[in-house]
Amino acid sequence: MWEPSAAKLQAISNMCVFMYVGETDEYRWHDEMKREADVLRSRGTVARYTVEKGQPHRLETLAGANAARLFDGFEETKQGCRR
């Protein structure tokens, strides 16, 4: 999230949030993304933070045939985004 704040996190707290970041992403947002997922989960939101091993900013591990992982998340949202 660009310039995260409590209000922005609250605004998305009813949505399922699936975050993927490359292990070698040059933007290095790992800590912030993990913190955001932790805050959302603590509020009962379905939120997942996944580090893609060996991947840069552009994730090949979610491309092509591997894109099914993204669609699995879409299917999961049918169960609701609050726990």
N, C-alpha and C. Protein backbone atom coordinates (compact mmCIF):
# COMPACT_ATOMS: atom_id res chain seq x y z
N MET A 1 0.86 -1.17 0.00
CA MET A 1 0.00 0.00 0.00
C MET A 1 0.90 1.23 0.00
N TRP A 2 0.58 2.16 -0.87
CA TRP A 2 1.37 3.39 -0.91
C TRP A 2 0.95 4.26 0.27
N GLU A 3 1.90 4.71 1.06
CA GLU A 3 1.67 5.53 2.24
C GLU A 3 0.56 4.95 3.12
N PRO A 4 0.82 3.80 3.71
CA PRO A 4 -0.21 3.13 4.53
C PRO A 4 -0.59 3.96 5.75
N SER A 5 -1.82 3.80 6.16
CA SER A 5 -2.31 4.46 7.36
C SER A 5 -3.39 3.58 7.97
N ALA A 6 -3.72 3.84 9.21
CA ALA A 6 -4.78 3.08 9.87
C ALA A 6 -6.08 3.22 9.11
N ALA A 7 -6.37 4.40 8.59
CA ALA A 7 -7.62 4.64 7.86
C ALA A 7 -7.66 3.83 6.56
N LYS A 8 -6.52 3.75 5.86
CA LYS A 8 -6.48 2.98 4.61
C LYS A 8 -6.65 1.49 4.89
N LEU A 9 -6.02 1.01 5.95
CA LEU A 9 -6.16 -0.41 6.30
C LEU A 9 -7.60 -0.71 6.72
N GLN A 10 -8.21 0.19 7.45
CA GLN A 10 -9.61 0.02 7.84
C GLN A 10 -10.50 -0.03 6.61
N ALA A 11 -10.20 0.79 5.62
CA ALA A 11 -11.02 0.87 4.41
C ALA A 11 -11.03 -0.43 3.62
N ILE A 12 -9.97 -1.22 3.73
CA ILE A 12 -9.93 -2.50 2.99
C ILE A 12 -10.15 -3.71 3.89
N SER A 13 -10.49 -3.48 5.13
CA SER A 13 -10.57 -4.59 6.09
C SER A 13 -11.72 -5.55 5.84
N ASN A 14 -12.66 -5.21 4.95
CA ASN A 14 -13.72 -6.15 4.59
C ASN A 14 -13.42 -6.89 3.31
N MET A 15 -12.25 -6.65 2.74
CA MET A 15 -11.83 -7.33 1.52
C MET A 15 -10.83 -8.42 1.87
N CYS A 16 -10.79 -9.49 1.07
CA CYS A 16 -9.71 -10.46 1.19
C CYS A 16 -8.47 -9.81 0.57
N VAL A 17 -7.33 -10.00 1.22
CA VAL A 17 -6.10 -9.38 0.75
C VAL A 17 -5.02 -10.47 0.62
N PHE A 18 -4.55 -10.67 -0.60
CA PHE A 18 -3.50 -11.64 -0.88
C PHE A 18 -2.33 -10.88 -1.47
N MET A 19 -1.23 -10.80 -0.73
CA MET A 19 -0.05 -10.06 -1.17
C MET A 19 1.08 -11.02 -1.49
N TYR A 20 1.71 -10.78 -2.64
CA TYR A 20 2.84 -11.57 -3.08
C TYR A 20 3.99 -10.62 -3.36
N VAL A 21 5.17 -10.96 -2.87
CA VAL A 21 6.34 -10.11 -3.10
C VAL A 21 7.52 -11.01 -3.44
N GLY A 22 8.32 -10.56 -4.39
CA GLY A 22 9.52 -11.29 -4.77
C GLY A 22 10.58 -11.18 -3.68
N GLU A 23 11.22 -12.28 -3.41
CA GLU A 23 12.26 -12.31 -2.38
C GLU A 23 13.35 -11.27 -2.66
N THR A 24 13.67 -11.05 -3.93
CA THR A 24 14.73 -10.10 -4.29
C THR A 24 14.17 -8.80 -4.86
N ASP A 25 12.92 -8.50 -4.57
CA ASP A 25 12.28 -7.27 -5.06
C ASP A 25 13.14 -6.07 -4.66
N GLU A 26 13.50 -5.28 -5.64
CA GLU A 26 14.39 -4.14 -5.38
C GLU A 26 13.72 -3.03 -4.57
N TYR A 27 12.40 -3.03 -4.48
CA TYR A 27 11.71 -1.99 -3.72
C TYR A 27 11.70 -2.28 -2.22
N ARG A 28 11.95 -3.52 -1.86
CA ARG A 28 12.14 -3.92 -0.45
C ARG A 28 10.98 -3.52 0.45
N TRP A 29 9.76 -3.80 0.03
CA TRP A 29 8.58 -3.49 0.83
C TRP A 29 8.19 -4.65 1.72
N HIS A 30 9.07 -5.62 1.88
CA HIS A 30 8.72 -6.82 2.64
C HIS A 30 8.17 -6.52 4.03
N ASP A 31 8.89 -5.76 4.80
CA ASP A 31 8.48 -5.49 6.18
C ASP A 31 7.13 -4.79 6.23
N GLU A 32 6.93 -3.80 5.37
CA GLU A 32 5.67 -3.06 5.38
C GLU A 32 4.51 -3.96 4.96
N MET A 33 4.70 -4.77 3.93
CA MET A 33 3.63 -5.67 3.49
C MET A 33 3.28 -6.68 4.57
N LYS A 34 4.28 -7.22 5.22
CA LYS A 34 4.03 -8.18 6.29
C LYS A 34 3.27 -7.51 7.44
N ARG A 35 3.67 -6.31 7.79
CA ARG A 35 3.01 -5.56 8.87
C ARG A 35 1.54 -5.30 8.50
N GLU A 36 1.27 -4.92 7.26
CA GLU A 36 -0.10 -4.66 6.82
C GLU A 36 -0.95 -5.93 6.92
N ALA A 37 -0.40 -7.05 6.47
CA ALA A 37 -1.13 -8.32 6.55
C ALA A 37 -1.40 -8.69 8.01
N ASP A 38 -0.41 -8.49 8.87
CA ASP A 38 -0.59 -8.80 10.29
C ASP A 38 -1.70 -7.95 10.91
N VAL A 39 -1.72 -6.66 10.58
CA VAL A 39 -2.75 -5.76 11.12
C VAL A 39 -4.12 -6.20 10.63
N LEU A 40 -4.23 -6.48 9.35
CA LEU A 40 -5.52 -6.90 8.80
C LEU A 40 -6.00 -8.20 9.43
N ARG A 41 -5.10 -9.17 9.57
CA ARG A 41 -5.48 -10.44 10.21
C ARG A 41 -5.93 -10.22 11.64
N SER A 42 -5.27 -9.32 12.36
CA SER A 42 -5.64 -9.06 13.75
C SER A 42 -7.04 -8.47 13.85
N ARG A 43 -7.52 -7.90 12.75
CA ARG A 43 -8.88 -7.32 12.70
C ARG A 43 -9.90 -8.31 12.14
N GLY A 44 -9.45 -9.55 11.91
CA GLY A 44 -10.37 -10.57 11.42
C GLY A 44 -10.47 -10.67 9.91
N THR A 45 -9.62 -9.98 9.20
CA THR A 45 -9.61 -10.00 7.74
C THR A 45 -8.83 -11.20 7.24
N VAL A 46 -9.30 -11.82 6.16
CA VAL A 46 -8.51 -12.85 5.48
C VAL A 46 -7.40 -12.10 4.75
N ALA A 47 -6.18 -12.23 5.22
CA ALA A 47 -5.04 -11.54 4.63
C ALA A 47 -3.85 -12.49 4.61
N ARG A 48 -3.22 -12.58 3.46
CA ARG A 48 -2.08 -13.47 3.32
C ARG A 48 -0.93 -12.71 2.67
N TYR A 49 0.26 -12.95 3.19
CA TYR A 49 1.50 -12.34 2.69
C TYR A 49 2.42 -13.48 2.31
N THR A 50 2.83 -13.52 1.04
CA THR A 50 3.66 -14.62 0.55
C THR A 50 4.92 -14.07 -0.11
N VAL A 51 6.08 -14.56 0.31
CA VAL A 51 7.34 -14.20 -0.32
C VAL A 51 7.65 -15.28 -1.36
N GLU A 52 7.83 -14.84 -2.60
CA GLU A 52 8.14 -15.75 -3.70
C GLU A 52 9.66 -15.89 -3.80
N LYS A 53 10.15 -17.05 -3.44
CA LYS A 53 11.60 -17.31 -3.38
C LYS A 53 12.27 -17.07 -4.73
N GLY A 54 13.40 -16.36 -4.67
CA GLY A 54 14.23 -16.13 -5.85
C GLY A 54 13.62 -15.21 -6.89
N GLN A 55 12.52 -14.55 -6.57
CA GLN A 55 11.84 -13.72 -7.56
C GLN A 55 12.13 -12.24 -7.35
N PRO A 56 12.24 -11.49 -8.46
CA PRO A 56 12.38 -10.04 -8.38
C PRO A 56 10.99 -9.40 -8.25
N HIS A 57 10.88 -8.13 -8.62
CA HIS A 57 9.60 -7.42 -8.53
C HIS A 57 8.54 -8.06 -9.44
N ARG A 58 8.92 -8.43 -10.63
CA ARG A 58 8.00 -9.08 -11.58
C ARG A 58 8.02 -10.58 -11.31
N LEU A 59 6.93 -11.11 -10.82
CA LEU A 59 6.87 -12.49 -10.34
C LEU A 59 6.54 -13.48 -11.45
N GLU A 60 7.50 -14.25 -11.84
CA GLU A 60 7.27 -15.31 -12.83
C GLU A 60 6.57 -16.50 -12.19
N THR A 61 6.66 -16.62 -10.87
CA THR A 61 6.05 -17.76 -10.18
C THR A 61 4.53 -17.67 -10.17
N LEU A 62 3.96 -16.54 -10.62
CA LEU A 62 2.51 -16.39 -10.70
C LEU A 62 2.06 -16.18 -12.14
N ALA A 63 2.92 -16.50 -13.10
CA ALA A 63 2.61 -16.30 -14.51
C ALA A 63 2.28 -17.63 -15.19
N GLY A 64 1.63 -17.52 -16.32
CA GLY A 64 1.33 -18.71 -17.12
C GLY A 64 0.53 -19.74 -16.35
N ALA A 65 0.98 -20.98 -16.41
CA ALA A 65 0.28 -22.07 -15.73
C ALA A 65 0.22 -21.85 -14.21
N ASN A 66 1.19 -21.12 -13.67
CA ASN A 66 1.21 -20.85 -12.23
C ASN A 66 0.17 -19.81 -11.80
N ALA A 67 -0.46 -19.15 -12.74
CA ALA A 67 -1.48 -18.15 -12.40
C ALA A 67 -2.66 -18.80 -11.68
N ALA A 68 -2.79 -20.10 -11.77
CA ALA A 68 -3.87 -20.81 -11.07
C ALA A 68 -3.85 -20.48 -9.58
N ARG A 69 -2.69 -20.21 -9.03
CA ARG A 69 -2.59 -19.85 -7.61
C ARG A 69 -3.39 -18.59 -7.32
N LEU A 70 -3.39 -17.64 -8.25
CA LEU A 70 -4.18 -16.42 -8.06
C LEU A 70 -5.67 -16.74 -8.08
N PHE A 71 -6.07 -17.60 -8.99
CA PHE A 71 -7.48 -17.96 -9.09
C PHE A 71 -7.94 -18.76 -7.88
N ASP A 72 -7.03 -19.50 -7.26
CA ASP A 72 -7.37 -20.18 -6.01
C ASP A 72 -7.78 -19.16 -4.95
N GLY A 73 -7.07 -18.03 -4.93
CA GLY A 73 -7.43 -16.96 -4.00
C GLY A 73 -8.79 -16.38 -4.31
N PHE A 74 -9.11 -16.22 -5.59
CA PHE A 74 -10.43 -15.73 -5.97
C PHE A 74 -11.51 -16.68 -5.48
N GLU A 75 -11.27 -17.97 -5.63
CA GLU A 75 -12.23 -18.97 -5.16
C GLU A 75 -12.40 -18.89 -3.64
N GLU A 76 -11.28 -18.69 -2.95
CA GLU A 76 -11.32 -18.61 -1.49
C GLU A 76 -12.20 -17.46 -1.02
N THR A 77 -12.24 -16.38 -1.78
CA THR A 77 -13.05 -15.23 -1.36
C THR A 77 -14.54 -15.55 -1.31
N LYS A 78 -14.95 -16.59 -2.02
CA LYS A 78 -16.37 -16.99 -1.99
C LYS A 78 -16.79 -17.45 -0.61
N GLN A 79 -15.84 -17.81 0.23
CA GLN A 79 -16.11 -18.24 1.60
C GLN A 79 -16.23 -17.04 2.54
N GLY A 80 -15.95 -15.86 2.02
CA GLY A 80 -16.01 -14.64 2.83
C GLY A 80 -14.61 -14.16 3.17
N CYS A 81 -14.53 -12.90 3.49
CA CYS A 81 -13.23 -12.28 3.76
C CYS A 81 -13.04 -11.90 5.22
N ARG A 82 -13.97 -12.29 6.04
CA ARG A 82 -13.85 -12.03 7.49
C ARG A 82 -13.82 -13.36 8.21
N ARG A 83 -12.99 -13.45 9.21
CA ARG A 83 -12.90 -14.69 10.01
C ARG A 83 -13.20 -14.38 11.44
